[in-house]
Structures are given as structure tokens and as C-alpha cells.
Amino acid sequence: MAIEPIQRQSIVSLVWQIALTFIGFLSTMYFAHTVGASVLGGYFLFLAYFSIIGLMTDGGFGGAAIKRISEGEEQDAYFSAFVVLRSVFVTMVVVALIAFRNYFVDLNDAGTFIWLLLALIISLLYGAISGGMQGCGKIGIQATAGFINNVSRIIIQVVAVFFGFGVAGLAGGFVVGMFVGSIVQLRFFDLRFVRFGWEHIKSLSTFSLWVFLISGGGIVFMYSDTIMIGYFLNNADVGVYRIVLQFTSLAAFTTNALRSTLWPRVSRWGKTGEMGLIEESLSRAFTYSLVLAIPMFAGGVLLGDKLLYYFYGAEFGRGYITMVVLFIVQIVNIFQFFFTSYLSALDHLKDLFKITVVAVAANIALNAILIPMIGIAGAAIATLVTMGLNAVLALWVLSRMLTIRVESGSLMNILKASVVMSLFVGGYRMVVPLSNVWLALVPVVLGGVIYVVLVLKFDRKIYEELKGIMMQMNVTWSEWL
């Protein structure tokens, strides 16, 4: 493929995310209708525990290893040092969990404690291989393995739920998928174990301290709402909230694909002083993230209540207001996500840590106030406010080193296409009663087609870039637009 590396790797990541989103969407619908919100809530709490405890086993060394490996110097030595350090942390945490097992009542009752231990052990293998692949810039392969990981997880989970294993089956599928993803990446893994010195550990430790603190804040930010909903409300509310959050995250998968591709590149550009490339990549990243997020927000406002009802079941329909707020969160998240990612890639970790501390403290406080008052909608509002705060603070810091700009022409074209699409979808809903899932899907499909055609017609820059990529992939391109 004669496609520029960033475009190629972003396309690979995006294609796999589209496929995974479709498969995950169908499987989540099955789980929601089969086991209900309460069992799903138990599984989401398992994931929250794994993420928070997994942070302690990583210690920030995963991000530090990716950073050092991406710089291209002594890659094998940094990889080896990372694996040894991570092994020590995983061993210590697993032993501590076994010693204090009786305190994890929820996990014991659900039968997921043993799966938590296995997940932490397998994460040692998966984290080492995946981190090495990211550091070496093999994002396309890493994204493909991630897709296989998630598909394997979903297959095991569907089978387990079918045979009645409930939340334990969901957790078991998560572990098996992670193991399969690790094995797939080994075929393309080039790093080797070599002797390393104290200087490698010291270099990783210097960077990892800030990564650990920042990652810790990020994990708390990501899961504090889930845990606090479980504390103040119940597992069913956790299930509804996380399903709605997962539904709105459809608007962000281009953001995730671009971030995984750009981070190691920005890290290297920062090392070589190529600031122009960094500024251009950030500007284009905004455009290609907003091109999906804005129309999905518009469509969610117009059709979200019916889609939640038909896709997941009646008990999830009550999450409509929460869904609207979380769609706005996804738009704000685009800016927050790239601002903080670029600060991290450019080694401004102290500034990023200060920003994270402020946002996390505000998030916890707002969750504690709003969740008891207005339920899961309060958690969504707390996330929106604190993510906006995070974005503003990160913008203030990043703007001191980069010229940050949004491509106003492309943004206006996206907004124009979204308005036309919204008028069509709104008119359809006024004329046609959405009495079943098929009638609800018609405006989704037609609205999407209208939007894509209009964006390509309005924005020649996006059109030409897409045309160039398709032609390099030997895909026939029609000039009818």
C-alpha cells in the first residue's frame, strides 16, 4: 500500500473499530435483553475494579516504556526493564488480593474474584506485547490484534451467557480475549530480552511517576461515576448508565483510532523539533473526529429515545436524558483527549498532572452531589462539567507551545451537512410513527447517507484526501460528486 504511514495506520485502526463497534453493538443488545441491567452492572463494576487495580500493577511503567521505545534508542533494553518491573508489581498485587480476598464481597458473591486475578496475570503478557508494538509504531498490527482480542471476548461471552453463566461468563470472556490478543501479536513482535542497567530503570521511573499519577487520575475520572452510582444507587442503574455511555462512545471511535496512531509520531516529532507537523496533525485530528461526533449528537437527540428502547429494552429507555448529555461529553472529549494526549507525548507531564488533579477532584465532588439528587443524569452532568474544565486547562498549557487551530471551513461544512440531515430525520419522525425497530432504523441509514454525500460535496479537502486514499488502495472512485 503506497499510503502515507499515518493515513494507513489510522485507516487500519478505524476499519477494525468500525467492525468491532458493529459486532459489539449486536452482542451488547443480546446481553441487555438476556441478562438485564443488573447483571451488566455487576460486569461493569468488575471492569472498574480491574482498571483501578490494574493501574497499581502497571505503576505508570507501561506508558513510560511506550514513550522510551518510541524515541528509537535502546528499545530492547527499555522493553526488558519494563517487563521485569511490571512482573514484580503484578506479583505483589496478586498476593495482596489473595490475602485480603474476604473484603471483596461483591466479587466473591458474583464468582468473578478468580477471574480478576487471572485478568491481572494475563494483562502482564498483553501489556508487555501491546506496549512494545505501540512503541515501535506498529499500530496497524496492534489494532488488528485488539480487534481479534475483542471478537474472541465477545464470542466467549455470548456462549457463556447462553449457557447461563451470567456475570462470571462475561468476566471469563474478557480474560480469554485478552490472552488471544496477546498470542496474535507475538507473531509480529521484534523486541527481545537483553541486559539492561540501572540507567534504564531510572529513565523509566522518572517518566513513569508522572504517567502513574496522570493515569491514576484518568482511571478515577473514568470510573468514579460507575463506582459512585453503584454506591448511591444500584447495579441496575450502573448497567443503564454504562450502556448509554457505550452507545454514545460510537461518536468517538475515529478519535481513538487517530490517537493510537498519532501519539508515537508526535513523541518522535517533539524529539526532533518538527513542531509544524505536530500542529498540522492536531488540526486535522479535530476535523476527522468532529466529522462523526457532530452528526451523531444530532441524530441521538432526534432518535435516541426510540433507539435505546428497541436496541436494549424498556429499562434502558429511561437513559435518554443521560444519553443527550453524554453525546455532548463525546464532543468535548475530542478536544480534551487530543490536548492531554499531545501534552503527554511532548513530555509536559507535570502540567498534565496538575490539570488532572483539578479535574478529578471536581469530578468526585460533583458526582457525590449530583448522583443522589438526580441519579445517573447527575453523573453525566458531572462528567461534562469536569471534562470541559480539563479541556480548557489543557488548552491553556498547550497553546503556550503550539499554535492551535480548528479548520473553520471544514467545521462549517460539517455543521451544514448535519443541519440538513437533522431536518430530514426530524421530518421523518414527524410523519412516520417509529412503532418498531425497522422504522427507527430507516432514518438512521438514510440520514447517514445524506450526511456523507453532503460532507463530501461541501468539503473538497476531505473529498480529495479520501479520493487519494481510495485510489492508492486501487478502489474505483466515481467523480459524480
Protein backbone atom coordinates (compact mmCIF):
# COMPACT_ATOMS: atom_id res chain seq x y z
CA MET A 1 0.00 0.00 0.00
CA ALA A 2 1.57 3.25 -1.16
CA ILE A 3 -0.24 5.26 1.50
CA GLU A 4 1.49 7.62 3.90
CA PRO A 5 2.10 5.74 7.20
CA ILE A 6 -0.16 7.84 9.44
CA GLN A 7 -3.06 7.57 7.00
CA ARG A 8 -2.52 3.84 6.54
CA GLN A 9 -2.32 3.07 10.25
CA SER A 10 -5.28 5.32 11.04
CA ILE A 11 -7.33 3.58 8.36
CA VAL A 12 -6.43 0.14 9.72
CA SER A 13 -7.38 1.22 13.25
CA LEU A 14 -10.58 2.82 12.03
CA VAL A 15 -11.66 -0.17 9.94
CA TRP A 16 -11.18 -2.54 12.85
CA GLN A 17 -13.00 -0.19 15.20
CA ILE A 18 -15.94 0.03 12.81
CA ALA A 19 -16.12 -3.76 12.56
CA LEU A 20 -15.73 -4.17 16.31
CA THR A 21 -18.33 -1.50 17.02
CA PHE A 22 -20.85 -3.36 14.87
CA ILE A 23 -20.11 -6.73 16.50
CA GLY A 24 -20.03 -5.23 19.99
CA PHE A 25 -23.24 -3.36 19.33
CA LEU A 26 -25.10 -6.57 18.45
CA SER A 27 -23.61 -8.53 21.37
CA THR A 28 -24.48 -5.79 23.87
CA MET A 29 -28.06 -5.82 22.62
CA TYR A 30 -28.14 -9.58 23.22
CA PHE A 31 -26.70 -9.24 26.73
CA ALA A 32 -29.11 -6.43 27.62
CA HIS A 33 -32.17 -8.42 26.54
CA THR A 34 -30.90 -11.71 28.03
CA VAL A 35 -29.43 -10.84 31.44
CA GLY A 36 -30.74 -7.30 32.03
CA ALA A 37 -29.24 -4.17 33.53
CA SER A 38 -28.42 -5.62 36.95
CA VAL A 39 -26.09 -8.38 35.68
CA LEU A 40 -24.48 -5.99 33.23
CA GLY A 41 -23.97 -3.58 36.11
CA GLY A 42 -22.08 -6.30 38.00
CA TYR A 43 -19.84 -6.86 34.98
CA PHE A 44 -19.15 -3.14 34.58
CA LEU A 45 -18.16 -2.99 38.26
CA PHE A 46 -15.76 -5.89 37.62
CA LEU A 47 -14.19 -3.86 34.81
CA ALA A 48 -13.93 -0.85 37.10
CA TYR A 49 -12.11 -2.90 39.75
CA PHE A 50 -9.78 -4.38 37.11
CA SER A 51 -8.92 -0.95 35.72
CA ILE A 52 -8.21 0.61 39.10
CA ILE A 53 -6.23 -2.36 40.46
CA GLY A 54 -4.51 -2.76 37.09
CA LEU A 55 -3.22 0.77 37.46
CA MET A 56 -1.26 -0.36 40.52
CA THR A 57 0.24 -3.33 38.66
CA ASP A 58 1.34 -1.06 35.84
CA GLY A 59 2.73 1.69 38.02
CA GLY A 60 2.92 4.01 35.03
CA PHE A 61 5.74 1.96 33.50
CA GLY A 62 3.60 0.92 30.53
CA GLY A 63 3.27 4.48 29.28
CA ALA A 64 6.91 5.17 30.11
CA ALA A 65 8.03 2.13 28.09
CA ILE A 66 5.98 3.20 25.06
CA LYS A 67 7.49 6.67 25.29
CA ARG A 68 11.10 5.48 25.56
CA ILE A 69 10.72 2.79 22.89
CA SER A 70 9.07 5.29 20.54
CA GLU A 71 12.16 7.51 20.79
CA GLY A 72 14.13 4.81 18.95
CA GLU A 73 17.09 4.46 21.33
CA GLU A 74 17.96 1.18 23.17
CA GLN A 75 14.48 -0.19 22.57
CA ASP A 76 15.24 -3.76 23.70
CA ALA A 77 16.79 -2.60 26.96
CA TYR A 78 13.83 -0.41 27.86
CA PHE A 79 11.41 -3.21 26.95
CA SER A 80 13.28 -5.71 29.14
CA ALA A 81 13.40 -3.35 32.10
CA PHE A 82 9.68 -2.69 31.76
CA VAL A 83 8.74 -6.39 31.74
CA VAL A 84 10.81 -7.12 34.86
CA LEU A 85 9.37 -4.16 36.77
CA ARG A 86 5.81 -4.97 35.71
CA SER A 87 6.25 -8.63 36.78
CA VAL A 88 7.25 -7.54 40.27
CA PHE A 89 4.23 -5.26 40.61
CA VAL A 90 1.76 -7.87 39.33
CA THR A 91 3.12 -10.48 41.76
CA MET A 92 2.85 -8.14 44.72
CA VAL A 93 -0.71 -7.04 43.90
CA VAL A 94 -1.98 -10.60 43.24
CA VAL A 95 -0.55 -11.81 46.57
CA ALA A 96 -2.15 -8.86 48.37
CA LEU A 97 -5.54 -9.54 46.76
CA ILE A 98 -5.48 -13.18 47.80
CA ALA A 99 -4.57 -12.19 51.34
CA PHE A 100 -7.48 -9.74 51.55
CA ARG A 101 -9.97 -11.72 49.46
CA ASN A 102 -12.69 -11.61 52.12
CA TYR A 103 -13.01 -7.86 51.72
CA PHE A 104 -14.12 -8.20 48.08
CA VAL A 105 -17.63 -9.34 48.92
CA ASP A 106 -19.25 -8.26 45.64
CA LEU A 107 -16.65 -10.05 43.52
CA ASN A 108 -16.81 -13.20 45.64
CA ASP A 109 -20.61 -13.33 45.52
CA ALA A 110 -20.63 -12.88 41.75
CA GLY A 111 -17.92 -15.50 41.23
CA THR A 112 -15.60 -13.05 39.49
CA PHE A 113 -12.74 -12.80 42.02
CA ILE A 114 -10.74 -15.62 40.41
CA TRP A 115 -11.31 -14.01 37.02
CA LEU A 116 -9.95 -10.72 38.39
CA LEU A 117 -6.73 -12.49 39.41
CA LEU A 118 -6.42 -14.20 36.03
CA ALA A 119 -7.11 -10.91 34.24
CA LEU A 120 -4.27 -9.22 36.13
CA ILE A 121 -1.86 -12.06 35.29
CA ILE A 122 -2.79 -12.13 31.59
CA SER A 123 -2.57 -8.33 31.49
CA LEU A 124 1.16 -8.72 32.21
CA LEU A 125 1.61 -10.56 28.92
CA TYR A 126 -0.83 -8.40 26.97
CA GLY A 127 0.53 -5.11 28.32
CA ALA A 128 4.15 -6.02 27.56
CA ILE A 129 3.48 -7.09 23.97
CA SER A 130 0.94 -4.39 23.15
CA GLY A 131 3.12 -1.66 24.68
CA GLY A 132 6.11 -2.81 22.67
CA MET A 133 4.08 -2.80 19.45
CA GLN A 134 2.83 0.72 20.12
CA GLY A 135 6.28 1.99 20.97
CA CYS A 136 7.65 0.57 17.70
CA GLY A 137 4.86 2.29 15.76
CA LYS A 138 3.21 -0.95 14.60
CA ILE A 139 -0.22 0.49 15.21
CA GLY A 140 -1.95 -1.36 12.36
CA ILE A 141 -0.88 -4.75 13.70
CA GLN A 142 -1.67 -3.74 17.27
CA ALA A 143 -5.14 -2.55 16.19
CA THR A 144 -5.76 -5.83 14.33
CA ALA A 145 -4.76 -7.84 17.40
CA GLY A 146 -7.02 -5.64 19.52
CA PHE A 147 -9.88 -6.45 17.17
CA ILE A 148 -9.19 -10.19 17.47
CA ASN A 149 -8.98 -9.77 21.24
CA ASN A 150 -12.39 -8.16 21.40
CA VAL A 151 -14.06 -10.53 18.94
CA SER A 152 -12.74 -13.52 20.90
CA ARG A 153 -14.05 -11.93 24.09
CA ILE A 154 -17.48 -11.37 22.60
CA ILE A 155 -17.76 -14.93 21.23
CA ILE A 156 -16.88 -16.45 24.61
CA GLN A 157 -19.25 -14.09 26.42
CA VAL A 158 -22.17 -14.84 24.12
CA VAL A 159 -21.67 -18.60 24.58
CA ALA A 160 -21.27 -18.21 28.36
CA VAL A 161 -24.40 -16.06 28.70
CA PHE A 162 -26.35 -18.50 26.51
CA PHE A 163 -25.47 -21.31 28.94
CA GLY A 164 -26.47 -19.18 31.91
CA PHE A 165 -23.11 -18.21 33.44
CA GLY A 166 -24.14 -14.55 33.80
CA VAL A 167 -21.60 -12.08 35.10
CA ALA A 168 -18.92 -14.76 35.62
CA GLY A 169 -19.22 -15.71 31.95
CA LEU A 170 -18.83 -12.08 30.89
CA ALA A 171 -15.70 -11.70 33.04
CA GLY A 172 -14.28 -15.01 31.77
CA GLY A 173 -14.73 -13.92 28.16
CA PHE A 174 -12.84 -10.72 28.93
CA VAL A 175 -9.83 -12.71 30.18
CA VAL A 176 -9.81 -15.21 27.29
CA GLY A 177 -10.00 -12.44 24.70
CA MET A 178 -7.01 -10.65 26.22
CA PHE A 179 -4.97 -13.87 26.07
CA VAL A 180 -5.85 -14.47 22.42
CA GLY A 181 -4.92 -10.88 21.52
CA SER A 182 -1.51 -11.40 23.14
CA ILE A 183 -0.75 -14.56 21.17
CA VAL A 184 -1.68 -12.94 17.85
CA GLN A 185 0.76 -10.05 18.37
CA LEU A 186 3.67 -12.37 19.21
CA ARG A 187 3.98 -13.35 15.54
CA PHE A 188 4.96 -9.77 14.62
CA PHE A 189 6.88 -8.85 17.77
CA ASP A 190 10.53 -7.83 17.18
CA LEU A 191 11.76 -6.69 20.61
CA ARG A 192 13.97 -9.06 22.57
CA PHE A 193 15.10 -9.51 26.16
CA VAL A 194 18.58 -8.09 26.71
CA ARG A 195 20.67 -6.93 29.63
CA PHE A 196 19.62 -3.58 30.99
CA GLY A 197 21.13 -1.25 33.50
CA TRP A 198 20.08 0.97 36.34
CA GLU A 199 20.03 3.92 33.94
CA HIS A 200 17.15 2.29 32.03
CA ILE A 201 15.14 1.72 35.20
CA LYS A 202 15.85 5.28 36.32
CA SER A 203 14.79 6.70 32.96
CA LEU A 204 11.55 4.69 33.02
CA SER A 205 10.91 5.61 36.65
CA THR A 206 11.31 9.33 36.02
CA PHE A 207 8.72 9.24 33.29
CA SER A 208 6.52 6.57 34.92
CA LEU A 209 5.94 8.55 38.11
CA TRP A 210 4.05 11.20 36.20
CA VAL A 211 2.39 8.65 33.94
CA PHE A 212 1.21 6.76 37.04
CA LEU A 213 -0.17 9.88 38.68
CA ILE A 214 -1.82 11.05 35.47
CA SER A 215 -3.14 7.58 34.60
CA GLY A 216 -4.43 7.23 38.12
CA GLY A 217 -6.33 10.46 37.75
CA GLY A 218 -7.62 9.34 34.36
CA ILE A 219 -8.83 5.99 35.70
CA VAL A 220 -10.54 7.67 38.64
CA PHE A 221 -12.08 10.16 36.24
CA MET A 222 -13.30 7.31 34.00
CA TYR A 223 -14.72 5.04 36.68
CA SER A 224 -15.61 7.24 39.64
CA ASP A 225 -19.10 7.76 38.21
CA THR A 226 -19.61 3.99 37.82
CA ILE A 227 -18.48 3.17 41.35
CA MET A 228 -20.42 6.05 42.91
CA ILE A 229 -23.59 5.12 41.03
CA GLY A 230 -23.17 1.61 42.44
CA TYR A 231 -22.71 3.08 45.91
CA PHE A 232 -25.57 5.60 45.89
CA LEU A 233 -27.98 3.70 43.62
CA ASN A 234 -27.82 0.04 42.47
CA ASN A 235 -26.32 -2.33 39.89
CA ALA A 236 -29.24 -1.82 37.50
CA ASP A 237 -28.51 1.92 37.39
CA VAL A 238 -24.85 1.12 36.76
CA GLY A 239 -25.92 -1.10 33.86
CA VAL A 240 -28.16 1.57 32.30
CA TYR A 241 -25.52 4.29 32.68
CA ARG A 242 -22.67 2.25 31.20
CA ILE A 243 -24.80 1.00 28.30
CA VAL A 244 -25.79 4.59 27.46
CA LEU A 245 -22.15 5.67 27.76
CA GLN A 246 -21.12 2.83 25.47
CA PHE A 247 -23.81 3.84 22.98
CA THR A 248 -22.60 7.45 22.85
CA SER A 249 -18.98 6.33 22.52
CA LEU A 250 -19.84 5.39 18.93
CA ALA A 251 -19.23 9.08 18.24
CA ALA A 252 -15.62 8.79 19.41
CA PHE A 253 -14.11 5.80 17.64
CA THR A 254 -12.37 7.94 14.99
CA THR A 255 -10.82 9.87 17.88
CA ASN A 256 -9.47 6.66 19.39
CA ALA A 257 -8.10 5.43 16.06
CA LEU A 258 -6.26 8.70 15.44
CA ARG A 259 -4.88 8.94 18.96
CA SER A 260 -3.27 5.48 18.91
CA THR A 261 -1.62 6.31 15.58
CA LEU A 262 -0.54 9.88 16.36
CA TRP A 263 0.89 9.52 19.89
CA PRO A 264 4.17 7.77 18.98
CA ARG A 265 4.56 10.05 15.94
CA VAL A 266 4.06 13.22 17.97
CA SER A 267 6.51 11.87 20.53
CA ARG A 268 9.17 11.49 17.84
CA TRP A 269 8.35 14.82 16.17
CA GLY A 270 8.72 16.50 19.55
CA LYS A 271 12.11 14.86 19.94
CA THR A 272 13.25 16.13 16.52
CA GLY A 273 11.65 19.59 16.86
CA GLU A 274 9.21 19.26 13.95
CA MET A 275 6.53 21.45 15.50
CA GLY A 276 4.83 22.25 12.19
CA LEU A 277 3.92 18.59 11.70
CA ILE A 278 2.55 18.44 15.24
CA GLU A 279 0.33 21.49 14.70
CA GLU A 280 -0.97 20.21 11.36
CA SER A 281 -1.72 16.75 12.77
CA LEU A 282 -3.69 18.26 15.66
CA SER A 283 -5.76 20.42 13.35
CA ARG A 284 -6.64 17.53 11.06
CA ALA A 285 -7.35 15.28 14.04
CA PHE A 286 -10.03 17.73 15.21
CA THR A 287 -11.67 17.72 11.79
CA TYR A 288 -11.77 13.96 11.34
CA SER A 289 -13.08 13.45 14.87
CA LEU A 290 -15.82 16.09 14.61
CA VAL A 291 -16.92 14.75 11.22
CA LEU A 292 -18.56 11.86 13.07
CA ALA A 293 -19.29 13.25 16.53
CA ILE A 294 -21.46 16.22 15.46
CA PRO A 295 -23.96 14.30 13.26
CA MET A 296 -24.21 11.51 15.83
CA PHE A 297 -25.12 14.05 18.50
CA ALA A 298 -27.83 15.47 16.23
CA GLY A 299 -29.16 12.01 15.41
CA GLY A 300 -29.06 10.95 19.05
CA VAL A 301 -31.17 13.91 20.14
CA LEU A 302 -33.79 13.15 17.47
CA LEU A 303 -33.91 9.35 17.67
CA GLY A 304 -32.08 8.30 20.85
CA ASP A 305 -35.14 7.53 22.98
CA LYS A 306 -36.52 5.04 20.45
CA LEU A 307 -33.13 3.50 19.69
CA LEU A 308 -32.39 2.82 23.37
CA TYR A 309 -35.85 1.30 23.82
CA TYR A 310 -35.68 -1.01 20.79
CA PHE A 311 -31.99 -1.89 20.91
CA TYR A 312 -31.58 -2.61 24.62
CA GLY A 313 -35.02 -2.91 26.18
CA ALA A 314 -37.58 -0.89 28.10
CA GLU A 315 -35.47 -0.47 31.26
CA PHE A 316 -32.76 1.29 29.22
CA GLY A 317 -35.17 3.78 27.64
CA ARG A 318 -35.08 5.88 30.80
CA GLY A 319 -31.48 6.79 29.99
CA TYR A 320 -32.43 9.23 27.18
CA ILE A 321 -31.60 12.48 29.04
CA THR A 322 -28.35 10.95 30.22
CA MET A 323 -27.59 9.96 26.63
CA VAL A 324 -28.06 13.53 25.33
CA VAL A 325 -25.63 14.87 27.93
CA LEU A 326 -23.11 12.13 27.19
CA PHE A 327 -23.21 12.87 23.46
CA ILE A 328 -22.15 16.43 24.32
CA VAL A 329 -19.46 14.89 26.52
CA GLN A 330 -18.12 12.99 23.49
CA ILE A 331 -17.74 16.24 21.54
CA VAL A 332 -15.93 17.95 24.42
CA ASN A 333 -13.86 14.79 24.84
CA ILE A 334 -12.38 15.21 21.36
CA PHE A 335 -10.60 18.40 22.43
CA GLN A 336 -9.75 17.18 25.91
CA PHE A 337 -8.47 13.89 24.54
CA PHE A 338 -6.11 15.39 21.98
CA PHE A 339 -4.93 18.24 24.21
CA THR A 340 -3.93 15.88 27.01
CA SER A 341 -2.50 13.26 24.61
CA TYR A 342 -0.26 15.84 22.94
CA LEU A 343 0.89 17.19 26.31
CA SER A 344 1.81 13.64 27.30
CA ALA A 345 3.62 12.91 24.02
CA LEU A 346 5.57 16.19 24.36
CA ASP A 347 6.75 15.31 27.89
CA HIS A 348 4.78 18.01 29.72
CA LEU A 349 3.70 15.56 32.39
CA LYS A 350 3.92 17.87 35.39
CA ASP A 351 1.47 20.30 33.80
CA LEU A 352 -0.80 17.44 32.77
CA PHE A 353 -0.76 16.04 36.30
CA LYS A 354 -1.83 19.37 37.80
CA ILE A 355 -4.69 19.59 35.30
CA THR A 356 -5.76 16.01 36.06
CA VAL A 357 -5.78 16.58 39.82
CA VAL A 358 -8.07 19.58 39.49
CA ALA A 359 -10.45 17.74 37.13
CA VAL A 360 -10.58 14.56 39.23
CA ALA A 361 -11.25 16.43 42.47
CA ALA A 362 -14.07 18.37 40.79
CA ASN A 363 -15.45 15.18 39.24
CA ILE A 364 -15.65 13.29 42.52
CA ALA A 365 -17.22 16.25 44.31
CA LEU A 366 -19.85 16.81 41.61
CA ASN A 367 -20.67 13.09 41.41
CA ALA A 368 -21.16 12.97 45.16
CA ILE A 369 -23.53 15.95 44.99
CA LEU A 370 -25.45 15.26 41.78
CA ILE A 371 -25.93 11.46 41.76
CA PRO A 372 -28.03 11.37 44.97
CA MET A 373 -30.02 14.36 43.70
CA ILE A 374 -30.83 13.44 40.09
CA GLY A 375 -29.49 9.92 39.57
CA ILE A 376 -27.48 8.81 36.55
CA ALA A 377 -28.11 12.10 34.73
CA GLY A 378 -26.17 13.76 37.55
CA ALA A 379 -23.17 11.54 36.79
CA ALA A 380 -23.34 12.60 33.14
CA ILE A 381 -23.51 16.29 34.04
CA ALA A 382 -20.57 15.91 36.43
CA THR A 383 -18.55 14.30 33.64
CA LEU A 384 -19.45 17.07 31.18
CA VAL A 385 -18.51 19.91 33.53
CA THR A 386 -15.22 18.40 34.66
CA MET A 387 -14.20 17.26 31.17
CA GLY A 388 -14.83 20.80 29.94
CA LEU A 389 -12.65 22.11 32.76
CA ASN A 390 -9.95 19.61 31.83
CA ALA A 391 -10.07 20.68 28.17
CA VAL A 392 -9.82 24.39 28.97
CA LEU A 393 -6.85 23.94 31.30
CA ALA A 394 -5.05 21.65 28.84
CA LEU A 395 -5.68 24.14 26.01
CA TRP A 396 -4.17 26.93 28.10
CA VAL A 397 -0.98 24.94 28.67
CA LEU A 398 -0.65 23.52 25.15
CA SER A 399 -1.27 26.89 23.47
CA ARG A 400 1.92 28.20 25.04
CA MET A 401 3.99 25.82 22.89
CA LEU A 402 1.81 25.23 19.81
CA THR A 403 -0.41 27.27 17.52
CA ILE A 404 -3.75 25.52 17.97
CA ARG A 405 -6.34 25.98 15.29
CA VAL A 406 -9.53 24.34 14.14
CA GLU A 407 -10.15 24.20 10.41
CA SER A 408 -13.10 26.58 10.38
CA GLY A 409 -14.03 25.86 6.77
CA SER A 410 -14.32 22.13 7.34
CA LEU A 411 -16.17 22.70 10.62
CA MET A 412 -18.78 24.85 8.88
CA ASN A 413 -19.21 22.20 6.18
CA ILE A 414 -19.75 19.54 8.84
CA LEU A 415 -22.34 21.73 10.58
CA LYS A 416 -24.18 22.48 7.31
CA ALA A 417 -24.37 18.80 6.39
CA SER A 418 -25.54 17.95 9.94
CA VAL A 419 -28.32 20.56 9.80
CA VAL A 420 -29.66 19.21 6.50
CA MET A 421 -29.51 15.66 7.84
CA SER A 422 -31.33 16.74 11.03
CA LEU A 423 -34.12 18.38 9.05
CA PHE A 424 -34.66 15.16 7.12
CA VAL A 425 -34.59 12.95 10.23
CA GLY A 426 -36.85 15.31 12.18
CA GLY A 427 -39.32 15.47 9.30
CA TYR A 428 -39.34 11.69 9.00
CA ARG A 429 -40.13 11.29 12.68
CA MET A 430 -42.98 13.79 12.48
CA VAL A 431 -44.56 11.91 9.57
CA VAL A 432 -43.76 8.26 10.37
CA PRO A 433 -44.54 6.76 13.81
CA LEU A 434 -41.49 4.82 15.00
CA SER A 435 -43.54 1.83 16.08
CA ASN A 436 -40.83 -0.82 15.60
CA VAL A 437 -37.09 -1.14 15.30
CA TRP A 438 -37.09 -1.27 11.48
CA LEU A 439 -38.95 2.00 11.14
CA ALA A 440 -36.49 3.52 13.61
CA LEU A 441 -33.52 2.30 11.56
CA VAL A 442 -34.72 3.83 8.28
CA PRO A 443 -33.92 7.47 9.24
CA VAL A 444 -30.60 6.33 10.71
CA VAL A 445 -29.48 4.79 7.43
CA LEU A 446 -30.92 7.45 5.12
CA GLY A 447 -29.72 10.28 7.35
CA GLY A 448 -26.22 8.80 7.35
CA VAL A 449 -26.16 8.55 3.56
CA ILE A 450 -27.38 12.13 3.17
CA TYR A 451 -24.75 13.39 5.61
CA VAL A 452 -21.83 11.58 3.96
CA VAL A 453 -22.81 12.78 0.47
CA LEU A 454 -23.19 16.38 1.64
CA VAL A 455 -19.90 16.45 3.57
CA LEU A 456 -18.01 15.17 0.54
CA LYS A 457 -19.80 17.66 -1.69
CA PHE A 458 -19.29 20.66 0.61
CA ASP A 459 -15.71 19.97 1.69
CA ARG A 460 -13.33 19.45 -1.21
CA LYS A 461 -10.34 18.95 1.08
CA ILE A 462 -11.92 15.94 2.78
CA TYR A 463 -13.14 14.76 -0.63
CA GLU A 464 -9.70 14.94 -2.24
CA GLU A 465 -7.96 13.26 0.71
CA LEU A 466 -10.47 10.41 0.71
CA LYS A 467 -10.24 10.12 -3.07
CA GLY A 468 -6.44 9.93 -2.91
CA ILE A 469 -6.54 7.21 -0.26
CA MET A 470 -9.09 5.15 -2.20
CA MET A 471 -7.11 5.43 -5.44
CA GLN A 472 -3.90 4.35 -3.70
CA MET A 473 -5.81 1.33 -2.40
CA ASN A 474 -6.86 0.61 -6.02
CA VAL A 475 -10.52 1.22 -5.19
CA THR A 476 -12.58 2.62 -8.06
CA TRP A 477 -13.59 6.22 -7.34
CA SER A 478 -16.58 7.78 -9.08
CA GLU A 479 -16.49 11.51 -9.92
CA TRP A 480 -20.23 12.00 -9.52
CA LEU A 481 -19.94 14.32 -6.52
